[in-house]
Protein backbone atom coordinates (compact mmCIF):
# COMPACT_ATOMS: atom_id res chain seq x y z
CA MET A 1 0.00 0.00 0.00
CA SER A 2 1.31 3.41 -0.99
CA LYS A 3 2.51 5.57 1.89
CA ARG A 4 3.58 9.17 2.28
CA ILE A 5 7.11 9.86 3.47
CA LEU A 6 8.04 13.29 4.82
CA ASN A 7 11.77 13.97 4.55
CA ILE A 8 12.82 16.86 6.78
CA VAL A 9 16.25 18.32 6.01
CA THR A 10 17.96 20.60 8.52
CA SER A 11 21.64 20.46 7.54
CA THR A 12 23.11 23.15 5.29
CA LYS A 13 25.70 20.78 3.77
CA GLY A 14 23.53 19.25 1.07
CA GLU A 15 24.66 15.90 -0.34
CA THR A 16 27.85 15.91 1.76
CA SER A 17 25.84 16.08 4.99
CA PHE A 18 26.11 12.93 7.08
CA SER A 19 22.58 13.33 8.43
CA ASN A 20 21.22 13.76 4.89
CA GLN A 21 23.08 10.68 3.66
CA LEU A 22 21.74 8.66 6.56
CA SER A 23 18.19 9.90 5.92
CA LYS A 24 18.55 8.98 2.25
CA ALA A 25 19.40 5.39 3.23
CA VAL A 26 16.37 5.26 5.54
CA ILE A 27 14.08 6.55 2.79
CA GLU A 28 15.45 4.02 0.31
CA LYS A 29 14.61 1.19 2.71
CA LEU A 30 11.13 2.60 3.29
CA LEU A 31 10.55 2.78 -0.46
CA ASN A 32 11.74 -0.81 -0.86
CA THR A 33 9.34 -2.05 1.80
CA ASN A 34 6.50 0.23 0.71
CA PRO A 35 6.56 0.28 -3.12
CA GLY A 36 4.87 3.24 -4.78
CA SER A 37 5.21 5.49 -1.76
CA GLN A 38 5.58 9.23 -2.26
CA VAL A 39 8.38 11.34 -0.77
CA GLU A 40 7.90 14.99 0.09
CA THR A 41 11.03 16.88 1.12
CA LEU A 42 10.87 19.84 3.45
CA ASP A 43 14.30 21.50 3.37
CA LEU A 44 14.32 23.77 6.40
CA SER A 45 17.92 24.77 5.71
CA LYS A 46 16.70 26.61 2.60
CA THR A 47 13.15 27.55 3.58
CA PRO A 48 12.93 27.76 7.38
CA LEU A 49 9.55 28.41 8.93
CA PRO A 50 9.10 31.75 10.72
CA TYR A 51 9.75 31.79 14.43
CA LEU A 52 6.76 32.40 16.68
CA THR A 53 5.49 35.94 17.05
CA ASP A 54 2.97 37.61 19.32
CA SER A 55 0.49 37.63 16.42
CA HIS A 56 0.87 33.87 16.04
CA ILE A 57 0.37 33.17 19.74
CA ASN A 58 -2.69 35.41 19.92
CA ALA A 59 -4.15 33.81 16.81
CA VAL A 60 -3.76 30.30 18.23
CA TYR A 61 -5.96 31.21 21.20
CA THR A 62 -8.53 33.15 19.19
CA PRO A 63 -11.57 31.23 17.88
CA ALA A 64 -11.41 30.89 14.09
CA GLU A 65 -14.57 32.93 13.58
CA ASN A 66 -13.04 35.84 15.51
CA GLN A 67 -9.61 35.86 13.89
CA THR A 68 -8.47 38.95 12.05
CA GLU A 69 -6.87 38.78 8.62
CA GLU A 70 -3.51 39.43 10.30
CA GLN A 71 -4.02 36.50 12.65
CA LYS A 72 -5.06 34.20 9.82
CA ALA A 73 -1.92 35.19 7.93
CA ALA A 74 0.17 34.52 11.06
CA LEU A 75 -1.17 30.94 11.17
CA LYS A 76 -0.62 30.21 7.49
CA PHE A 77 2.76 28.51 7.90
CA SER A 78 1.56 26.56 10.92
CA ASP A 79 -1.57 25.36 9.13
CA GLU A 80 0.44 24.19 6.11
CA ALA A 81 3.12 22.46 8.19
CA ILE A 82 0.53 20.66 10.31
CA GLN A 83 -1.43 19.48 7.25
CA THR A 84 1.75 18.09 5.69
CA LEU A 85 2.50 16.25 8.91
CA VAL A 86 -1.05 14.91 9.20
CA ASN A 87 -0.84 13.58 5.64
CA SER A 88 2.44 11.72 6.30
CA ASP A 89 2.80 8.11 7.39
CA PHE A 90 6.57 8.18 7.89
CA ILE A 91 8.61 11.15 9.06
CA VAL A 92 12.37 11.01 8.41
CA ILE A 93 14.38 13.80 10.03
CA GLY A 94 18.05 14.57 9.47
CA VAL A 95 19.45 15.98 12.69
CA PRO A 96 23.01 17.31 12.79
CA LEU A 97 23.95 17.80 16.43
CA TYR A 98 24.62 21.50 17.02
CA ASN A 99 25.97 22.51 20.42
CA PHE A 100 24.47 19.41 22.05
CA GLY A 101 21.00 20.07 20.61
CA ILE A 102 18.92 20.29 17.45
CA PRO A 103 19.29 22.95 14.73
CA ALA A 104 17.30 26.14 15.32
CA VAL A 105 15.33 25.60 12.09
CA LEU A 106 14.06 22.26 13.38
CA LYS A 107 12.98 23.85 16.67
CA GLY A 108 11.22 26.53 14.63
CA TRP A 109 9.31 23.86 12.71
CA ILE A 110 8.35 22.06 15.93
CA ASP A 111 7.02 25.30 17.40
CA GLN A 112 4.79 25.69 14.34
CA VAL A 113 3.38 22.14 14.43
CA ALA A 114 2.97 21.76 18.20
CA ARG A 115 -0.39 23.46 18.48
CA ALA A 116 -3.20 23.02 20.97
CA GLY A 117 -6.38 21.71 19.42
CA LYS A 118 -4.56 20.63 16.26
CA THR A 119 -1.77 18.25 17.22
CA PHE A 120 -2.40 17.88 20.95
CA SER A 121 -5.31 18.49 23.28
CA TYR A 122 -6.10 19.03 26.95
CA ALA A 123 -9.83 18.50 26.32
CA ASP A 124 -10.02 15.59 28.77
CA GLY A 125 -8.02 17.39 31.45
CA SER A 126 -4.71 15.75 30.58
CA PRO A 127 -2.49 16.04 27.50
CA LYS A 128 -3.37 13.82 24.56
CA GLY A 129 -1.38 13.61 21.34
CA LEU A 130 -3.53 13.78 18.22
CA LEU A 131 -0.96 12.57 15.66
CA THR A 132 -1.07 8.80 15.95
CA ASP A 133 -0.30 5.87 13.62
CA LYS A 134 2.90 7.46 12.36
CA LYS A 135 6.51 6.30 12.43
CA VAL A 136 9.39 8.70 13.03
CA TYR A 137 12.98 8.02 12.02
CA LEU A 138 15.77 10.24 13.35
CA SER A 139 19.07 10.43 11.46
CA ILE A 140 21.39 12.01 14.00
CA ALA A 141 24.91 13.04 12.99
CA SER A 142 27.64 14.17 15.35
CA GLY A 143 31.37 14.76 15.33
CA ALA A 144 31.78 13.12 18.72
CA ILE A 145 30.24 9.92 20.11
CA PHE A 146 27.09 10.54 22.12
CA SER A 147 25.31 7.17 22.11
CA GLU A 148 27.61 5.95 24.88
CA GLY A 149 30.61 7.01 26.92
CA PRO A 150 31.41 10.27 28.74
CA TYR A 151 29.45 12.52 26.35
CA LYS A 152 26.17 10.57 26.42
CA SER A 153 24.55 12.99 28.88
CA TYR A 154 25.55 15.92 26.66
CA ASP A 155 23.17 14.91 23.86
CA PHE A 156 19.86 16.73 24.23
CA SER A 157 18.67 16.06 20.70
CA GLU A 158 17.24 12.56 20.87
CA SER A 159 15.68 12.92 24.33
CA TYR A 160 14.01 16.20 23.36
CA LEU A 161 12.69 14.90 20.03
CA ARG A 162 11.34 11.71 21.58
CA THR A 163 9.61 13.77 24.26
CA VAL A 164 8.01 16.33 21.96
CA PHE A 165 6.94 13.80 19.32
CA GLY A 166 5.55 11.52 22.02
CA PHE A 167 3.59 14.47 23.39
CA LEU A 168 2.05 14.92 19.94
CA GLY A 169 1.12 11.23 19.78
CA MET A 170 4.06 9.94 17.75
CA THR A 171 5.57 7.39 20.10
CA ASP A 172 7.04 5.05 17.46
CA VAL A 173 10.47 6.67 17.10
CA THR A 174 13.60 4.94 15.78
CA THR A 175 17.05 6.53 15.96
CA PHE A 176 19.99 5.92 13.64
CA ARG A 177 23.33 7.59 14.32
CA VAL A 178 26.40 8.47 12.35
CA GLU A 179 28.84 9.60 15.01
CA GLY A 180 32.51 10.15 15.61
CA THR A 181 32.91 11.91 12.26
CA ALA A 182 35.44 14.34 13.78
CA ILE A 183 37.46 11.67 15.60
CA PRO A 184 40.41 10.34 13.54
CA ASP A 185 40.10 6.76 14.76
CA PHE A 186 36.37 6.63 14.02
CA ALA A 187 35.75 9.03 11.13
CA GLU A 188 36.53 6.67 8.26
CA ASN A 189 34.09 4.01 9.40
CA ALA A 190 31.43 6.31 10.87
CA LEU A 191 29.14 6.52 7.85
CA PRO A 192 29.56 2.89 6.68
CA LYS A 193 28.70 1.73 10.21
CA ALA A 194 25.61 3.92 10.30
CA LEU A 195 24.46 2.76 6.87
CA SER A 196 24.91 -0.86 7.96
CA SER A 197 22.60 -0.25 10.93
CA VAL A 198 19.93 0.99 8.52
CA GLU A 199 20.44 -1.97 6.19
CA GLU A 200 20.09 -4.43 9.07
CA PHE A 201 16.98 -2.80 10.56
CA ALA A 202 13.63 -4.47 9.93
CA PHE A 203 11.44 -1.72 8.51
């Protein structure tokens, strides 16, 4: 059955980006296991979503019938980003590790799609994610090694992304890592090792 794959790019390095290369391998496996699927690429490195403004926040908490034209315009990017996410079955995100966290453009996208009444709700008195039945694949790239060892606690990317996606209802999250790309003893084998982990994974 045909599926929709959303490929989110956040690295500025294009084809040489380790996170992009890892995401490409993930997408190829998804296409092999889901023939006929469609891929939509959202390159946030080239077209980042606007950061939140006061107009956006006010519009979110204003009933649709009372929104001004300015408020409707402020929600345009959020509405489009949410609809794209809703339409997707698989979400593949390239995540270069910047200063122990995610790129600012990815945080900007998350702020646009994490929206009360649209992607999560407190209607029953407790938070409930509204985006279910989706699979998320994280392609995390880092110069150092963060999956284990002394720097493991320094990585705030995976823990944050798992938390925020889980809050939105997307609890099926798989992480692939290409790491040690700046360490001489590990750099040469970093990408091949990461690609092997994708190849061996049962999608």
